[in-house]
Amino acid sequence: MVPDNAMGPIGVFDSGIGGLSVLRALLSELPQEQFVYVADSGHAPYGERDDTHVLARAQAIAGHLRNQRRAKAMVVACNTATAAAIRQLRARYPDLPIIGIEPALKPAAAQSSTGMVGVMATRGTLQSEKFRALLQTLHGKATFVLQPCDGLADAIENADATKAQALCERYTGAMGRFGTGAGDIDTLVLGCTHYAFVSEQLARLTGAGIVQLEGGAPVARQTHRLLQDRTGPGMREGALRATVPHVAFFTTGNVVALNAAAKNLLGLDISAGTLDL
């Protein structure tokens, strides 16, 4: 049976602007779909708050996307929210495809030549049970240098370039030596979607040849697969012919910041709406 919301949008949410890096991958993978993006900037940062706070925010936004926006799928475009809330969201909405994001540890371990992988993430992500379980599955596959990046997502969210640069310097310096020699970190996992905004700064700090991995593309591919499984190729083709590419943007915080970020990362001129959730 085709779900009654099969023509609805794909809901995407993050603690703020970081999830735009995931939305960028979704737009590339599914260019004719419609999306609703919610930046919960008014309640950020998630990565430095407890799980109770993050879970409550995730449930509020998910309820809005499901009930008011009639989303046919949901992407939790935030590593911290995925770790804290994905299991509960899937239990609450068992008929809704819900896709989360996690740090790209497995592909990093597979491609590292030195066996040394750096992981930059929020403290909430690194301390989560979900992250620890993922790390355990890769025991012996690589050495992971875990770096909590307190304040970095918040600096990016608030467009504080000076503070973001200083924090990037502090955290890459704390991780050890980057390079391609024995004992060097040759692969860097960006374990927070916000960090895509400072990937160029990180590349300059870590040096040439250091691979950066983020999770947007795998999330987009998984979303595509789940939608095809749910509706079937015939319904997908009909839905695509009937719709016009479109993203509706909303925020619980600073509208100007979201508009600027969408322009900067996605090249889109938008006028975001506000949500009181």
Protein backbone atom coordinates (compact mmCIF):
# COMPACT_ATOMS: atom_id res chain seq x y z
CA MET A 1 0.00 0.00 0.00
CA VAL A 2 1.29 3.47 -0.89
CA PRO A 3 1.49 5.66 2.26
CA ASP A 4 -1.00 8.53 2.36
CA ASN A 5 1.85 11.01 2.80
CA ALA A 6 3.89 9.67 -0.15
CA MET A 7 3.77 13.06 -1.85
CA GLY A 8 4.93 14.89 1.26
CA PRO A 9 8.33 16.45 1.80
CA ILE A 10 11.40 14.95 3.43
CA GLY A 11 11.92 16.55 6.83
CA VAL A 12 15.50 17.44 7.79
CA PHE A 13 16.58 18.91 11.11
CA ASP A 14 19.68 19.89 13.01
CA SER A 15 20.57 21.96 16.06
CA GLY A 16 21.30 24.78 13.63
CA ILE A 17 23.02 25.40 10.33
CA GLY A 18 25.32 22.36 10.36
CA GLY A 19 22.71 20.09 8.81
CA LEU A 20 22.84 22.17 5.64
CA SER A 21 25.89 20.06 4.71
CA VAL A 22 23.60 17.00 4.81
CA LEU A 23 20.85 18.83 2.95
CA ARG A 24 23.38 19.64 0.22
CA ALA A 25 24.03 15.92 -0.25
CA LEU A 26 20.29 15.16 -0.21
CA LEU A 27 19.60 17.76 -2.90
CA SER A 28 22.31 16.21 -5.05
CA GLU A 29 21.01 12.66 -4.53
CA LEU A 30 17.29 13.52 -4.75
CA PRO A 31 17.09 16.73 -6.81
CA GLN A 32 13.37 16.51 -7.53
CA GLU A 33 12.20 15.89 -3.99
CA GLN A 34 10.73 18.51 -1.70
CA PHE A 35 12.32 19.20 1.68
CA VAL A 36 11.54 21.00 4.91
CA TYR A 37 14.64 22.04 6.85
CA VAL A 38 14.41 23.01 10.53
CA ALA A 39 17.36 24.66 12.30
CA ASP A 40 16.82 24.51 16.05
CA SER A 41 19.22 27.39 16.62
CA GLY A 42 17.15 28.81 19.45
CA HIS A 43 17.99 25.73 21.54
CA ALA A 44 21.57 25.09 20.40
CA PRO A 45 24.19 23.87 20.90
CA TYR A 46 23.09 20.26 21.31
CA GLY A 47 26.60 18.87 21.68
CA GLU A 48 27.16 20.50 25.05
CA ARG A 49 23.71 19.78 26.53
CA ASP A 50 22.48 16.64 28.26
CA ASP A 51 20.56 13.86 26.50
CA THR A 52 17.27 14.88 28.13
CA HIS A 53 17.43 18.29 26.49
CA VAL A 54 18.41 16.90 23.09
CA LEU A 55 15.75 14.20 23.18
CA ALA A 56 13.02 16.69 24.08
CA ARG A 57 14.04 18.98 21.22
CA ALA A 58 14.24 16.11 18.73
CA GLN A 59 10.78 14.90 19.72
CA ALA A 60 9.29 18.40 19.40
CA ILE A 61 10.72 18.94 15.93
CA ALA A 62 9.91 15.43 14.74
CA GLY A 63 6.31 15.88 15.87
CA HIS A 64 6.09 19.15 13.93
CA LEU A 65 7.55 17.61 10.78
CA ARG A 66 5.27 14.59 10.96
CA ASN A 67 2.01 16.26 12.02
CA GLN A 68 2.17 19.77 10.57
CA ARG A 69 4.37 19.20 7.52
CA ARG A 70 3.23 15.65 6.73
CA ALA A 71 6.78 14.52 6.13
CA LYS A 72 7.13 11.16 4.38
CA ALA A 73 10.65 10.63 5.75
CA MET A 74 12.86 12.30 8.30
CA VAL A 75 16.61 12.92 8.36
CA VAL A 76 18.21 13.67 11.71
CA ALA A 77 21.08 15.74 10.30
CA CYS A 78 22.91 16.05 13.62
CA ASN A 79 25.34 13.55 15.12
CA THR A 80 24.44 14.46 18.70
CA ALA A 81 20.68 14.21 18.12
CA THR A 82 21.12 10.91 16.29
CA ALA A 83 23.02 9.47 19.24
CA ALA A 84 20.55 10.78 21.82
CA ALA A 85 17.20 10.35 20.10
CA ILE A 86 17.12 8.17 16.97
CA ARG A 87 16.01 5.02 18.80
CA GLN A 88 13.14 6.80 20.54
CA LEU A 89 12.03 8.58 17.37
CA ARG A 90 11.90 5.31 15.44
CA ALA A 91 9.87 3.72 18.23
CA ARG A 92 7.42 6.63 18.25
CA TYR A 93 7.00 6.69 14.44
CA PRO A 94 7.48 3.07 13.31
CA ASP A 95 5.88 3.70 9.91
CA LEU A 96 8.16 6.63 9.07
CA PRO A 97 11.63 6.17 7.54
CA ILE A 98 13.98 7.98 9.91
CA ILE A 99 17.61 8.29 8.89
CA GLY A 100 20.33 9.36 11.28
CA ILE A 101 23.95 10.34 10.87
CA GLU A 102 27.01 9.04 12.63
CA PRO A 103 30.74 9.78 12.40
CA ALA A 104 32.36 8.03 9.42
CA LEU A 105 34.63 5.81 11.51
CA LYS A 106 34.27 2.66 9.41
CA PRO A 107 35.23 4.19 6.04
CA ALA A 108 38.01 6.12 7.77
CA ALA A 109 39.50 2.94 9.22
CA ALA A 110 39.22 1.22 5.85
CA GLN A 111 41.09 3.87 3.92
CA SER A 112 43.71 5.06 6.41
CA SER A 113 47.20 4.01 5.35
CA THR A 114 48.84 4.79 8.70
CA GLY A 115 46.06 3.28 10.81
CA MET A 116 45.69 6.58 12.66
CA VAL A 117 42.33 8.34 12.42
CA GLY A 118 41.44 11.66 14.02
CA VAL A 119 37.85 12.24 15.09
CA MET A 120 36.56 15.76 15.80
CA ALA A 121 33.11 15.76 17.37
CA THR A 122 31.02 17.30 20.11
CA ARG A 123 31.46 16.02 23.63
CA GLY A 124 27.85 14.75 23.54
CA THR A 125 28.56 12.58 20.52
CA LEU A 126 31.82 11.17 21.86
CA GLN A 127 30.28 10.30 25.22
CA SER A 128 27.16 8.68 23.79
CA GLU A 129 26.43 4.99 24.05
CA LYS A 130 25.80 4.83 20.31
CA PHE A 131 29.27 6.19 19.53
CA ARG A 132 30.97 3.86 21.99
CA ALA A 133 29.18 0.89 20.44
CA LEU A 134 30.30 1.96 16.97
CA LEU A 135 33.87 2.36 18.17
CA GLN A 136 33.83 -1.09 19.73
CA THR A 137 32.90 -2.72 16.41
CA LEU A 138 36.13 -1.30 14.95
CA HIS A 139 38.45 -2.51 17.71
CA GLY A 140 41.81 -3.36 16.15
CA LYS A 141 40.94 -1.82 12.78
CA ALA A 142 42.61 1.53 13.50
CA THR A 143 43.69 3.81 16.31
CA PHE A 144 41.16 6.59 16.79
CA VAL A 145 42.27 9.88 18.31
CA LEU A 146 39.09 11.37 19.77
CA GLN A 147 38.92 15.14 20.15
CA PRO A 148 35.93 16.82 21.83
CA CYS A 149 35.54 20.25 20.26
CA ASP A 150 33.77 22.33 22.89
CA GLY A 151 32.52 25.61 21.49
CA LEU A 152 33.34 24.98 17.83
CA ALA A 153 29.81 24.26 16.63
CA ASP A 154 28.57 27.28 18.55
CA ALA A 155 31.22 29.55 17.00
CA ILE A 156 30.26 28.32 13.53
CA GLU A 157 26.57 28.74 14.31
CA ASN A 158 27.16 32.34 15.33
CA ALA A 159 29.46 33.10 12.37
CA ASP A 160 32.33 33.95 14.74
CA ALA A 161 35.16 33.28 12.29
CA THR A 162 37.91 34.42 14.66
CA LYS A 163 36.81 32.10 17.45
CA ALA A 164 36.22 29.20 15.04
CA GLN A 165 39.74 29.57 13.63
CA ALA A 166 41.26 29.67 17.10
CA LEU A 167 39.36 26.55 18.15
CA CYS A 168 40.35 24.70 14.98
CA GLU A 169 43.98 25.51 15.73
CA ARG A 170 43.62 24.39 19.35
CA TYR A 171 41.90 21.10 18.61
CA THR A 172 44.02 20.00 15.64
CA GLY A 173 47.11 20.87 17.68
CA ALA A 174 45.87 18.77 20.60
CA MET A 175 45.32 15.70 18.41
CA GLY A 176 48.96 15.15 17.53
CA ARG A 177 50.90 14.98 14.29
CA PHE A 178 49.15 14.88 10.92
CA GLY A 179 50.87 13.39 7.93
CA THR A 180 51.47 10.21 5.96
CA GLY A 181 54.34 8.73 7.94
CA ALA A 182 54.27 6.03 10.58
CA GLY A 183 52.29 7.17 13.59
CA ASP A 184 50.80 10.14 11.75
CA ILE A 185 47.07 10.89 11.54
CA ASP A 186 46.28 10.69 7.84
CA THR A 187 42.45 10.69 8.00
CA LEU A 188 40.20 13.17 9.80
CA VAL A 189 36.56 12.42 10.57
CA LEU A 190 34.30 15.47 10.90
CA GLY A 191 31.90 14.11 13.50
CA CYS A 192 29.61 17.14 13.61
CA THR A 193 27.72 18.46 10.60
CA HIS A 194 28.70 22.03 11.50
CA TYR A 195 32.35 21.27 10.85
CA ALA A 196 31.84 21.19 7.08
CA PHE A 197 31.84 24.99 7.34
CA VAL A 198 35.47 24.98 8.50
CA SER A 199 36.79 22.16 6.32
CA GLU A 200 39.10 24.52 4.42
CA GLN A 201 40.59 25.91 7.63
CA LEU A 202 41.11 22.37 8.91
CA ALA A 203 42.79 21.35 5.66
CA ARG A 204 45.26 24.22 5.96
CA LEU A 205 46.03 23.26 9.55
CA THR A 206 46.45 19.52 8.97
CA GLY A 207 48.37 19.85 5.70
CA ALA A 208 48.22 18.36 2.23
CA GLY A 209 47.10 14.79 1.72
CA ILE A 210 44.97 14.49 4.87
CA VAL A 211 41.59 13.03 3.94
CA GLN A 212 38.47 14.53 5.55
CA LEU A 213 35.33 12.43 5.87
CA GLU A 214 31.81 13.61 6.69
CA GLY A 215 28.50 11.76 6.67
CA GLY A 216 26.23 13.66 4.27
CA ALA A 217 26.59 11.51 1.16
CA PRO A 218 25.96 8.14 2.89
CA VAL A 219 22.88 9.60 4.58
CA ALA A 220 21.56 10.82 1.23
CA ARG A 221 22.06 7.42 -0.39
CA GLN A 222 20.33 5.66 2.51
CA THR A 223 17.40 8.07 2.32
CA HIS A 224 17.07 7.34 -1.40
CA ARG A 225 17.13 3.59 -0.81
CA LEU A 226 14.51 3.70 1.94
CA LEU A 227 12.14 5.83 -0.12
CA GLN A 228 12.43 3.44 -3.05
CA ASP A 229 11.78 0.46 -0.78
CA ARG A 230 8.75 2.16 0.74
CA THR A 231 6.96 3.43 -2.34
CA GLY A 232 8.34 1.38 -5.20
CA PRO A 233 9.94 2.71 -8.37
CA GLY A 234 6.64 3.33 -10.16
CA MET A 235 5.34 5.59 -7.43
CA ARG A 236 8.69 7.34 -7.18
CA GLU A 237 8.69 8.24 -10.87
CA GLY A 238 5.15 9.55 -10.71
CA ALA A 239 5.92 11.60 -7.63
CA LEU A 240 8.99 13.09 -9.26
CA ARG A 241 7.08 14.17 -12.36
CA ALA A 242 4.43 15.81 -10.22
CA THR A 243 6.65 17.94 -8.00
CA VAL A 244 8.89 20.98 -8.33
CA PRO A 245 12.24 21.10 -6.51
CA HIS A 246 11.73 23.10 -3.34
CA VAL A 247 13.08 23.53 0.17
CA ALA A 248 11.17 25.31 2.92
CA PHE A 249 13.49 26.63 5.63
CA PHE A 250 12.54 27.31 9.25
CA THR A 251 14.45 28.17 12.40
CA THR A 252 13.74 28.56 16.10
CA GLY A 253 16.54 31.13 16.28
CA ASN A 254 18.26 33.69 14.08
CA VAL A 255 16.62 33.91 10.65
CA VAL A 256 19.42 36.09 9.24
CA ALA A 257 22.04 33.50 10.18
CA LEU A 258 20.15 30.68 8.45
CA ASN A 259 19.56 32.79 5.33
CA ALA A 260 23.28 33.62 5.16
CA ALA A 261 24.35 30.02 5.74
CA ALA A 262 22.06 28.72 2.99
CA LYS A 263 23.58 31.25 0.62
CA ASN A 264 27.12 30.38 1.68
CA LEU A 265 26.88 26.57 1.65
CA LEU A 266 24.08 25.87 -0.83
CA GLY A 267 24.12 28.95 -3.03
CA LEU A 268 20.43 29.51 -2.29
CA ASP A 269 18.76 32.86 -1.71
CA ILE A 270 16.13 32.03 0.91
CA SER A 271 13.79 33.74 3.31
CA ALA A 272 13.49 31.38 6.26
CA GLY A 273 10.44 31.28 8.48
CA THR A 274 10.39 31.13 12.25
CA LEU A 275 9.05 28.36 14.46
CA ASP A 276 7.99 28.53 18.09
CA LEU A 277 8.47 24.96 19.28
